[in-house]
Protein backbone atom coordinates (compact mmCIF):
# COMPACT_ATOMS: atom_id res chain seq x y z
CA UNK A 1 -10.86 -13.29 10.93
CA UNK A 2 -13.00 -12.07 13.50
CA UNK A 3 -16.70 -11.55 12.67
CA UNK A 4 -18.16 -8.27 12.25
CA UNK A 5 -20.73 -6.95 14.82
CA UNK A 6 -23.72 -4.86 14.30
CA UNK A 7 -22.80 -1.46 13.15
CA UNK A 8 -19.20 -2.36 11.85
CA UNK A 9 -18.47 -2.13 8.18
CA UNK A 10 -17.18 -5.38 6.20
CA UNK A 11 -13.57 -5.05 5.39
CA UNK A 12 -13.02 -4.33 1.78
CA UNK A 13 -11.41 -6.86 -0.53
CA UNK A 14 -8.53 -5.54 -2.76
CA UNK A 15 -8.15 -7.49 -5.79
CA UNK A 16 -4.64 -6.72 -7.40
CA UNK A 17 -5.21 -9.32 -10.05
CA UNK A 18 -2.24 -11.21 -11.57
CA UNK A 19 0.11 -8.24 -10.22
CA UNK A 20 -0.66 -9.14 -6.70
CA UNK A 21 -0.01 -6.97 -3.61
CA UNK A 22 2.69 -4.58 -3.61
CA UNK A 23 5.10 -6.05 -1.14
CA UNK A 24 8.93 -5.98 -0.61
CA UNK A 25 10.72 -8.36 -3.24
CA UNK A 26 13.14 -9.67 -0.41
CA UNK A 27 11.06 -10.25 2.66
CA UNK A 28 7.38 -9.83 1.56
CA UNK A 29 6.77 -7.05 4.20
CA UNK A 30 4.78 -3.85 3.80
CA UNK A 31 6.34 -0.69 2.30
CA UNK A 32 6.77 3.16 2.62
CA UNK A 33 6.76 5.17 -0.39
CA UNK A 34 9.82 7.37 -1.14
CA UNK A 35 11.42 9.29 -4.14
CA UNK A 36 8.39 11.18 -5.02
CA UNK A 37 6.47 7.80 -5.07
CA UNK A 38 8.70 6.09 -7.57
CA UNK A 39 10.10 3.61 -5.27
CA UNK A 40 9.26 2.10 -1.89
CA UNK A 41 11.53 1.13 0.94
CA UNK A 42 10.64 -2.10 3.13
CA UNK A 43 9.78 -1.15 6.74
CA UNK A 44 11.66 -4.44 7.88
CA UNK A 45 14.63 -4.87 5.79
CA UNK A 46 14.87 -1.44 4.05
CA UNK A 47 15.31 -2.52 0.67
CA UNK A 48 14.37 -0.09 -1.86
CA UNK A 49 12.43 -1.24 -4.78
CA UNK A 50 10.87 0.48 -7.99
CA UNK A 51 7.08 0.92 -7.86
CA UNK A 52 5.35 -0.74 -10.75
CA UNK A 53 4.33 1.64 -13.45
CA UNK A 54 0.70 0.50 -13.19
CA UNK A 55 0.70 1.29 -9.55
CA UNK A 56 2.65 4.53 -9.33
CA UNK A 57 1.07 7.76 -7.99
CA UNK A 58 2.82 11.05 -7.02
CA UNK A 59 3.16 12.07 -3.41
CA UNK A 60 1.58 15.09 -2.03
CA UNK A 61 3.08 17.71 0.20
CA UNK A 62 2.81 15.36 3.21
CA UNK A 63 4.57 12.71 1.71
CA UNK A 64 1.58 10.45 1.19
CA UNK A 65 0.29 9.37 -2.15
CA UNK A 66 -2.41 11.63 -3.51
CA UNK A 67 -4.86 8.69 -4.11
CA UNK A 68 -4.48 7.28 -0.55
CA UNK A 69 -8.27 7.70 0.29
CA UNK A 70 -9.32 5.93 -2.94
CA UNK A 71 -7.09 2.76 -2.00
CA UNK A 72 -8.25 0.79 0.92
CA UNK A 73 -5.08 -1.10 1.19
CA UNK A 74 -3.32 2.20 1.89
CA UNK A 75 -5.65 3.82 4.24
CA UNK A 76 -6.95 1.33 6.61
CA UNK A 77 -4.97 0.74 9.84
CA UNK A 78 -3.67 4.53 9.97
C-alpha cells in the first residue's frame, strides 16, 4: 500500500475475527445489501446470500445500513 503523507489519516484496520470479511460465497467480491438488510447481492456474479446474523443491520429510508458510518468497511470509498 502507499505510504500516507503528512495530514492524511491512517486507513482503519477492520478485524472481523473468525467470521472474516463479508464477501460473496461464490466469487469473493463485494456486496450490495438487499431485502431490508437481511441478504446481500454480489456486485459481480449477482448471487444473493443471507447476511450472517451477527452482521445484520436494518436499512434506512435511503437503502443504506443504519450503522454505515460506524463501520469503516462500508463507508470508505463512497
